[in-house]
Amino acid sequence: MKTLDVIAAVLLVVGGLNWGLVSVAHFDLVAAIFGMKFGETSALSSVVYALVGLAALYQAVSFKSIQHRWGHESAPARAR
């Protein structure tokens, strides 16, 4: 499962960088990789966007189990 965790993390970085570039520079990295203009989509770019979305869903749903697998348990809250 660690491999899937890494793939999901990489896809989230790609998606985050793409959205950052869209907002700051009005540049769509995914579209550029596939030889298209800003805002254009193709079957391949749609697959990339879908994979990024699935990676985000996977990370959100399995966040606690990912922490457990990687040995990064949250520290217990201190009593006040």
PDB file of N, CA and C in Angstrom:
ATOM      1  N   MET A   1       0.802  -1.196   0.000  1.00  0.00           N
ATOM      2  CA  MET A   1       0.000   0.000   0.000  1.00  0.00           C
ATOM      3  C   MET A   1       0.846   1.263   0.000  1.00  0.00           C
ATOM      4  N   LYS A   2       2.100   1.148   0.467  1.00  0.00           N
ATOM      5  CA  LYS A   2       2.937   2.346   0.479  1.00  0.00           C
ATOM      6  C   LYS A   2       3.151   2.880  -0.929  1.00  0.00           C
ATOM      7  N   THR A   3       3.221   1.991  -1.914  1.00  0.00           N
ATOM      8  CA  THR A   3       3.383   2.429  -3.295  1.00  0.00           C
ATOM      9  C   THR A   3       2.187   3.267  -3.727  1.00  0.00           C
ATOM     10  N   LEU A   4       0.998   2.810  -3.378  1.00  0.00           N
ATOM     11  CA  LEU A   4      -0.210   3.568  -3.712  1.00  0.00           C
ATOM     12  C   LEU A   4      -0.217   4.915  -2.996  1.00  0.00           C
ATOM     13  N   ASP A   5       0.267   4.939  -1.739  1.00  0.00           N
ATOM     14  CA  ASP A   5       0.363   6.193  -0.995  1.00  0.00           C
ATOM     15  C   ASP A   5       1.275   7.186  -1.720  1.00  0.00           C
ATOM     16  N   VAL A   6       2.405   6.706  -2.210  1.00  0.00           N
ATOM     17  CA  VAL A   6       3.371   7.574  -2.897  1.00  0.00           C
ATOM     18  C   VAL A   6       2.791   8.069  -4.220  1.00  0.00           C
ATOM     19  N   ILE A   7       2.155   7.182  -4.969  1.00  0.00           N
ATOM     20  CA  ILE A   7       1.548   7.586  -6.241  1.00  0.00           C
ATOM     21  C   ILE A   7       0.480   8.642  -5.998  1.00  0.00           C
ATOM     22  N   ALA A   8      -0.347   8.438  -4.981  1.00  0.00           N
ATOM     23  CA  ALA A   8      -1.393   9.416  -4.662  1.00  0.00           C
ATOM     24  C   ALA A   8      -0.769  10.753  -4.272  1.00  0.00           C
ATOM     25  N   ALA A   9       0.299  10.715  -3.487  1.00  0.00           N
ATOM     26  CA  ALA A   9       0.957  11.961  -3.073  1.00  0.00           C
ATOM     27  C   ALA A   9       1.541  12.695  -4.279  1.00  0.00           C
ATOM     28  N   VAL A  10       2.150  11.968  -5.187  1.00  0.00           N
ATOM     29  CA  VAL A  10       2.729  12.586  -6.391  1.00  0.00           C
ATOM     30  C   VAL A  10       1.620  13.221  -7.230  1.00  0.00           C
ATOM     31  N   LEU A  11       0.510  12.515  -7.400  1.00  0.00           N
ATOM     32  CA  LEU A  11      -0.601  13.072  -8.168  1.00  0.00           C
ATOM     33  C   LEU A  11      -1.165  14.320  -7.504  1.00  0.00           C
ATOM     34  N   LEU A  12      -1.215  14.338  -6.182  1.00  0.00           N
ATOM     35  CA  LEU A  12      -1.696  15.533  -5.485  1.00  0.00           C
ATOM     36  C   LEU A  12      -0.742  16.703  -5.660  1.00  0.00           C
ATOM     37  N   VAL A  13       0.548  16.439  -5.681  1.00  0.00           N
ATOM     38  CA  VAL A  13       1.527  17.507  -5.928  1.00  0.00           C
ATOM     39  C   VAL A  13       1.350  18.045  -7.346  1.00  0.00           C
ATOM     40  N   VAL A  14       1.212  17.152  -8.313  1.00  0.00           N
ATOM     41  CA  VAL A  14       0.994  17.584  -9.700  1.00  0.00           C
ATOM     42  C   VAL A  14      -0.267  18.445  -9.791  1.00  0.00           C
ATOM     43  N   GLY A  15      -1.354  17.983  -9.169  1.00  0.00           N
ATOM     44  CA  GLY A  15      -2.601  18.742  -9.195  1.00  0.00           C
ATOM     45  C   GLY A  15      -2.469  20.089  -8.506  1.00  0.00           C
ATOM     46  N   GLY A  16      -1.791  20.102  -7.360  1.00  0.00           N
ATOM     47  CA  GLY A  16      -1.601  21.358  -6.642  1.00  0.00           C
ATOM     48  C   GLY A  16      -0.750  22.344  -7.414  1.00  0.00           C
ATOM     49  N   LEU A  17       0.328  21.847  -8.014  1.00  0.00           N
ATOM     50  CA  LEU A  17       1.175  22.729  -8.830  1.00  0.00           C
ATOM     51  C   LEU A  17       0.403  23.265 -10.032  1.00  0.00           C
ATOM     52  N   ASN A  18      -0.398  22.399 -10.645  1.00  0.00           N
ATOM     53  CA  ASN A  18      -1.178  22.839 -11.798  1.00  0.00           C
ATOM     54  C   ASN A  18      -2.153  23.948 -11.403  1.00  0.00           C
ATOM     55  N   TRP A  19      -2.869  23.766 -10.286  1.00  0.00           N
ATOM     56  CA  TRP A  19      -3.807  24.807  -9.852  1.00  0.00           C
ATOM     57  C   TRP A  19      -3.078  26.081  -9.453  1.00  0.00           C
ATOM     58  N   GLY A  20      -1.906  25.947  -8.849  1.00  0.00           N
ATOM     59  CA  GLY A  20      -1.118  27.132  -8.521  1.00  0.00           C
ATOM     60  C   GLY A  20      -0.709  27.897  -9.769  1.00  0.00           C
ATOM     61  N   LEU A  21      -0.265  27.173 -10.795  1.00  0.00           N
ATOM     62  CA  LEU A  21       0.114  27.818 -12.050  1.00  0.00           C
ATOM     63  C   LEU A  21      -1.090  28.450 -12.736  1.00  0.00           C
ATOM     64  N   VAL A  22      -2.238  27.786 -12.660  1.00  0.00           N
ATOM     65  CA  VAL A  22      -3.458  28.349 -13.256  1.00  0.00           C
ATOM     66  C   VAL A  22      -3.793  29.679 -12.595  1.00  0.00           C
ATOM     67  N   SER A  23      -3.696  29.730 -11.264  1.00  0.00           N
ATOM     68  CA  SER A  23      -4.095  30.952 -10.571  1.00  0.00           C
ATOM     69  C   SER A  23      -3.074  32.075 -10.698  1.00  0.00           C
ATOM     70  N   VAL A  24      -1.790  31.738 -10.683  1.00  0.00           N
ATOM     71  CA  VAL A  24      -0.751  32.767 -10.686  1.00  0.00           C
ATOM     72  C   VAL A  24      -0.363  33.195 -12.105  1.00  0.00           C
ATOM     73  N   ALA A  25      -0.229  32.235 -12.996  1.00  0.00           N
ATOM     74  CA  ALA A  25       0.305  32.537 -14.321  1.00  0.00           C
ATOM     75  C   ALA A  25      -0.677  32.285 -15.465  1.00  0.00           C
ATOM     76  N   HIS A  26      -1.915  31.869 -15.129  1.00  0.00           N
ATOM     77  CA  HIS A  26      -2.894  31.537 -16.169  1.00  0.00           C
ATOM     78  C   HIS A  26      -2.286  30.539 -17.162  1.00  0.00           C
ATOM     79  N   PHE A  27      -1.648  29.498 -16.586  1.00  0.00           N
ATOM     80  CA  PHE A  27      -0.963  28.466 -17.374  1.00  0.00           C
ATOM     81  C   PHE A  27      -1.426  27.109 -16.885  1.00  0.00           C
ATOM     82  N   ASP A  28      -1.943  26.295 -17.790  1.00  0.00           N
ATOM     83  CA  ASP A  28      -2.404  24.950 -17.464  1.00  0.00           C
ATOM     84  C   ASP A  28      -1.331  23.951 -17.868  1.00  0.00           C
ATOM     85  N   LEU A  29      -0.583  23.454 -16.875  1.00  0.00           N
ATOM     86  CA  LEU A  29       0.535  22.547 -17.123  1.00  0.00           C
ATOM     87  C   LEU A  29       0.080  21.261 -17.797  1.00  0.00           C
ATOM     88  N   VAL A  30      -1.026  20.696 -17.343  1.00  0.00           N
ATOM     89  CA  VAL A  30      -1.517  19.440 -17.919  1.00  0.00           C
ATOM     90  C   VAL A  30      -1.873  19.634 -19.388  1.00  0.00           C
ATOM     91  N   ALA A  31      -2.555  20.729 -19.704  1.00  0.00           N
ATOM     92  CA  ALA A  31      -2.897  21.008 -21.103  1.00  0.00           C
ATOM     93  C   ALA A  31      -1.627  21.199 -21.931  1.00  0.00           C
ATOM     94  N   ALA A  32      -0.646  21.907 -21.378  1.00  0.00           N
ATOM     95  CA  ALA A  32       0.605  22.147 -22.107  1.00  0.00           C
ATOM     96  C   ALA A  32       1.347  20.844 -22.371  1.00  0.00           C
ATOM     97  N   ILE A  33       1.344  19.936 -21.412  1.00  0.00           N
ATOM     98  CA  ILE A  33       2.031  18.645 -21.596  1.00  0.00           C
ATOM     99  C   ILE A  33       1.439  17.884 -22.769  1.00  0.00           C
ATOM    100  N   PHE A  34       0.120  17.992 -22.948  1.00  0.00           N
ATOM    101  CA  PHE A  34      -0.545  17.284 -24.032  1.00  0.00           C
ATOM    102  C   PHE A  34      -0.708  18.141 -25.289  1.00  0.00           C
ATOM    103  N   GLY A  35       0.006  19.276 -25.364  1.00  0.00           N
ATOM    104  CA  GLY A  35       0.016  20.107 -26.568  1.00  0.00           C
ATOM    105  C   GLY A  35      -1.254  20.895 -26.823  1.00  0.00           C
ATOM    106  N   MET A  36      -1.955  21.236 -25.751  1.00  0.00           N
ATOM    107  CA  MET A  36      -3.206  21.975 -25.919  1.00  0.00           C
ATOM    108  C   MET A  36      -3.063  23.369 -25.323  1.00  0.00           C
ATOM    109  N   LYS A  37      -4.041  24.210 -25.633  1.00  0.00           N
ATOM    110  CA  LYS A  37      -4.068  25.562 -25.070  1.00  0.00           C
ATOM    111  C   LYS A  37      -4.762  25.543 -23.719  1.00  0.00           C
ATOM    112  N   PHE A  38      -4.618  26.640 -22.984  1.00  0.00           N
ATOM    113  CA  PHE A  38      -5.238  26.787 -21.677  1.00  0.00           C
ATOM    114  C   PHE A  38      -6.735  26.509 -21.762  1.00  0.00           C
ATOM    115  N   GLY A  39      -7.212  25.635 -20.891  1.00  0.00           N
ATOM    116  CA  GLY A  39      -8.645  25.342 -20.827  1.00  0.00           C
ATOM    117  C   GLY A  39      -9.107  24.227 -21.739  1.00  0.00           C
ATOM    118  N   GLU A  40      -8.295  23.817 -22.690  1.00  0.00           N
ATOM    119  CA  GLU A  40      -8.685  22.715 -23.562  1.00  0.00           C
ATOM    120  C   GLU A  40      -8.487  21.396 -22.832  1.00  0.00           C
ATOM    121  N   THR A  41      -9.313  20.420 -23.181  1.00  0.00           N
ATOM    122  CA  THR A  41      -9.166  19.090 -22.603  1.00  0.00           C
ATOM    123  C   THR A  41      -9.163  18.045 -23.700  1.00  0.00           C
ATOM    124  N   SER A  42      -8.605  16.919 -23.368  1.00  0.00           N
ATOM    125  CA  SER A  42      -8.618  15.762 -24.256  1.00  0.00           C
ATOM    126  C   SER A  42      -8.905  14.550 -23.385  1.00  0.00           C
ATOM    127  N   ALA A  43      -8.994  13.409 -23.994  1.00  0.00           N
ATOM    128  CA  ALA A  43      -9.219  12.186 -23.226  1.00  0.00           C
ATOM    129  C   ALA A  43      -8.056  11.953 -22.253  1.00  0.00           C
ATOM    130  N   LEU A  44      -6.830  12.200 -22.706  1.00  0.00           N
ATOM    131  CA  LEU A  44      -5.667  11.981 -21.830  1.00  0.00           C
ATOM    132  C   LEU A  44      -5.621  12.970 -20.679  1.00  0.00           C
ATOM    133  N   SER A  45      -5.893  14.236 -20.944  1.00  0.00           N
ATOM    134  CA  SER A  45      -5.876  15.210 -19.853  1.00  0.00           C
ATOM    135  C   SER A  45      -7.015  14.938 -18.877  1.00  0.00           C
ATOM    136  N   SER A  46      -8.149  14.473 -19.377  1.00  0.00           N
ATOM    137  CA  SER A  46      -9.254  14.119 -18.494  1.00  0.00           C
ATOM    138  C   SER A  46      -8.884  12.952 -17.594  1.00  0.00           C
ATOM    139  N   VAL A  47      -8.115  12.008 -18.116  1.00  0.00           N
ATOM    140  CA  VAL A  47      -7.641  10.889 -17.296  1.00  0.00           C
ATOM    141  C   VAL A  47      -6.727  11.410 -16.189  1.00  0.00           C
ATOM    142  N   VAL A  48      -5.824  12.330 -16.524  1.00  0.00           N
ATOM    143  CA  VAL A  48      -4.926  12.903 -15.514  1.00  0.00           C
ATOM    144  C   VAL A  48      -5.741  13.612 -14.439  1.00  0.00           C
ATOM    145  N   TYR A  49      -6.702  14.441 -14.842  1.00  0.00           N
ATOM    146  CA  TYR A  49      -7.531  15.152 -13.872  1.00  0.00           C
ATOM    147  C   TYR A  49      -8.325  14.168 -13.002  1.00  0.00           C
ATOM    148  N   ALA A  50      -8.843  13.110 -13.606  1.00  0.00           N
ATOM    149  CA  ALA A  50      -9.592  12.104 -12.846  1.00  0.00           C
ATOM    150  C   ALA A  50      -8.684  11.393 -11.843  1.00  0.00           C
ATOM    151  N   LEU A  51      -7.455  11.077 -12.247  1.00  0.00           N
ATOM    152  CA  LEU A  51      -6.512  10.421 -11.336  1.00  0.00           C
ATOM    153  C   LEU A  51      -6.147  11.327 -10.168  1.00  0.00           C
ATOM    154  N   VAL A  52      -5.982  12.612 -10.435  1.00  0.00           N
ATOM    155  CA  VAL A  52      -5.703  13.571  -9.360  1.00  0.00           C
ATOM    156  C   VAL A  52      -6.890  13.611  -8.391  1.00  0.00           C
ATOM    157  N   GLY A  53      -8.084  13.641  -8.913  1.00  0.00           N
ATOM    158  CA  GLY A  53      -9.276  13.639  -8.063  1.00  0.00           C
ATOM    159  C   GLY A  53      -9.392  12.364  -7.238  1.00  0.00           C
ATOM    160  N   LEU A  54      -9.127  11.222  -7.854  1.00  0.00           N
ATOM    161  CA  LEU A  54      -9.163   9.960  -7.124  1.00  0.00           C
ATOM    162  C   LEU A  54      -8.080   9.902  -6.053  1.00  0.00           C
ATOM    163  N   ALA A  55      -6.909  10.460  -6.356  1.00  0.00           N
ATOM    164  CA  ALA A  55      -5.825  10.502  -5.368  1.00  0.00           C
ATOM    165  C   ALA A  55      -6.229  11.341  -4.168  1.00  0.00           C
ATOM    166  N   ALA A  56      -6.895  12.460  -4.415  1.00  0.00           N
ATOM    167  CA  ALA A  56      -7.359  13.311  -3.314  1.00  0.00           C
ATOM    168  C   ALA A  56      -8.400  12.575  -2.473  1.00  0.00           C
ATOM    169  N   LEU A  57      -9.311  11.888  -3.118  1.00  0.00           N
ATOM    170  CA  LEU A  57     -10.324  11.127  -2.400  1.00  0.00           C
ATOM    171  C   LEU A  57      -9.678  10.019  -1.569  1.00  0.00           C
ATOM    172  N   TYR A  58      -8.724   9.308  -2.168  1.00  0.00           N
ATOM    173  CA  TYR A  58      -8.007   8.247  -1.458  1.00  0.00           C
ATOM    174  C   TYR A  58      -7.294   8.798  -0.231  1.00  0.00           C
ATOM    175  N   GLN A  59      -6.599   9.918  -0.392  1.00  0.00           N
ATOM    176  CA  GLN A  59      -5.876  10.517   0.732  1.00  0.00           C
ATOM    177  C   GLN A  59      -6.841  10.954   1.825  1.00  0.00           C
ATOM    178  N   ALA A  60      -7.954  11.547   1.454  1.00  0.00           N
ATOM    179  CA  ALA A  60      -8.916  12.038   2.435  1.00  0.00           C
ATOM    180  C   ALA A  60      -9.553  10.893   3.217  1.00  0.00           C
ATOM    181  N   VAL A  61      -9.914   9.825   2.529  1.00  0.00           N
ATOM    182  CA  VAL A  61     -10.602   8.708   3.167  1.00  0.00           C
ATOM    183  C   VAL A  61      -9.652   7.877   4.033  1.00  0.00           C
ATOM    184  N   SER A  62      -8.422   7.737   3.617  1.00  0.00           N
ATOM    185  CA  SER A  62      -7.506   6.831   4.324  1.00  0.00           C
ATOM    186  C   SER A  62      -6.393   7.563   5.067  1.00  0.00           C
ATOM    187  N   PHE A  63      -6.595   8.806   5.454  1.00  0.00           N
ATOM    188  CA  PHE A  63      -5.540   9.603   6.087  1.00  0.00           C
ATOM    189  C   PHE A  63      -4.990   8.939   7.338  1.00  0.00           C
ATOM    190  N   LYS A  64      -5.842   8.495   8.226  1.00  0.00           N
ATOM    191  CA  LYS A  64      -5.386   7.875   9.482  1.00  0.00           C
ATOM    192  C   LYS A  64      -4.627   6.576   9.218  1.00  0.00           C
ATOM    193  N   SER A  65      -5.113   5.751   8.316  1.00  0.00           N
ATOM    194  CA  SER A  65      -4.428   4.485   8.047  1.00  0.00           C
ATOM    195  C   SER A  65      -3.087   4.719   7.350  1.00  0.00           C
ATOM    196  N   ILE A  66      -2.986   5.776   6.556  1.00  0.00           N
ATOM    197  CA  ILE A  66      -1.705   6.112   5.929  1.00  0.00           C
ATOM    198  C   ILE A  66      -0.706   6.516   7.006  1.00  0.00           C
ATOM    199  N   GLN A  67      -1.136   7.334   7.959  1.00  0.00           N
ATOM    200  CA  GLN A  67      -0.250   7.717   9.060  1.00  0.00           C
ATOM    201  C   GLN A  67       0.219   6.484   9.815  1.00  0.00           C
ATOM    202  N   HIS A  68      -0.679   5.555  10.067  1.00  0.00           N
ATOM    203  CA  HIS A  68      -0.331   4.334  10.794  1.00  0.00           C
ATOM    204  C   HIS A  68       0.682   3.499  10.007  1.00  0.00           C
ATOM    205  N   ARG A  69       0.452   3.325   8.688  1.00  0.00           N
ATOM    206  CA  ARG A  69       1.366   2.526   7.861  1.00  0.00           C
ATOM    207  C   ARG A  69       2.761   3.114   7.834  1.00  0.00           C
ATOM    208  N   TRP A  70       2.853   4.438   7.830  1.00  0.00           N
ATOM    209  CA  TRP A  70       4.150   5.089   7.740  1.00  0.00           C
ATOM    210  C   TRP A  70       4.759   5.349   9.115  1.00  0.00           C
ATOM    211  N   GLY A  71       4.066   4.925  10.177  1.00  0.00           N
ATOM    212  CA  GLY A  71       4.613   5.057  11.512  1.00  0.00           C
ATOM    213  C   GLY A  71       4.579   6.470  12.058  1.00  0.00           C
ATOM    214  N   HIS A  72       3.640   7.276  11.612  1.00  0.00           N
ATOM    215  CA  HIS A  72       3.529   8.668  12.064  1.00  0.00           C
ATOM    216  C   HIS A  72       2.217   8.857  12.813  1.00  0.00           C
ATOM    217  N   GLU A  73       2.097   8.180  13.935  1.00  0.00           N
ATOM    218  CA  GLU A  73       0.887   8.328  14.740  1.00  0.00           C
ATOM    219  C   GLU A  73       0.822   9.733  15.309  1.00  0.00           C
ATOM    220  N   SER A  74      -0.359  10.274  15.386  1.00  0.00           N
ATOM    221  CA  SER A  74      -0.547  11.590  15.984  1.00  0.00           C
ATOM    222  C   SER A  74      -0.264  11.491  17.473  1.00  0.00           C
ATOM    223  N   ALA A  75       0.385  12.510  18.006  1.00  0.00           N
ATOM    224  CA  ALA A  75       0.637  12.537  19.438  1.00  0.00           C
ATOM    225  C   ALA A  75      -0.680  12.743  20.162  1.00  0.00           C
ATOM    226  N   PRO A  76      -0.868  12.037  21.283  1.00  0.00           N
ATOM    227  CA  PRO A  76      -2.128  12.221  22.012  1.00  0.00           C
ATOM    228  C   PRO A  76      -2.230  13.656  22.548  1.00  0.00           C
ATOM    229  N   ALA A  77      -3.447  14.147  22.594  1.00  0.00           N
ATOM    230  CA  ALA A  77      -3.684  15.508  23.081  1.00  0.00           C
ATOM    231  C   ALA A  77      -3.356  15.567  24.575  1.00  0.00           C
ATOM    232  N   ARG A  78      -2.730  16.653  24.979  1.00  0.00           N
ATOM    233  CA  ARG A  78      -2.404  16.834  26.396  1.00  0.00           C
ATOM    234  C   ARG A  78      -3.639  17.273  27.158  1.00  0.00           C
ATOM    235  N   ALA A  79      -3.742  16.789  28.391  1.00  0.00           N
ATOM    236  CA  ALA A  79      -4.840  17.221  29.265  1.00  0.00           C
ATOM    237  C   ALA A  79      -4.569  18.628  29.751  1.00  0.00           C
ATOM    238  N   ARG A  80      -5.605  19.408  29.820  1.00  0.00           N
ATOM    239  CA  ARG A  80      -5.426  20.791  30.281  1.00  0.00           C
ATOM    240  C   ARG A  80      -5.753  20.913  31.721  1.00  0.00           C
TER     241      ARG A  80
END
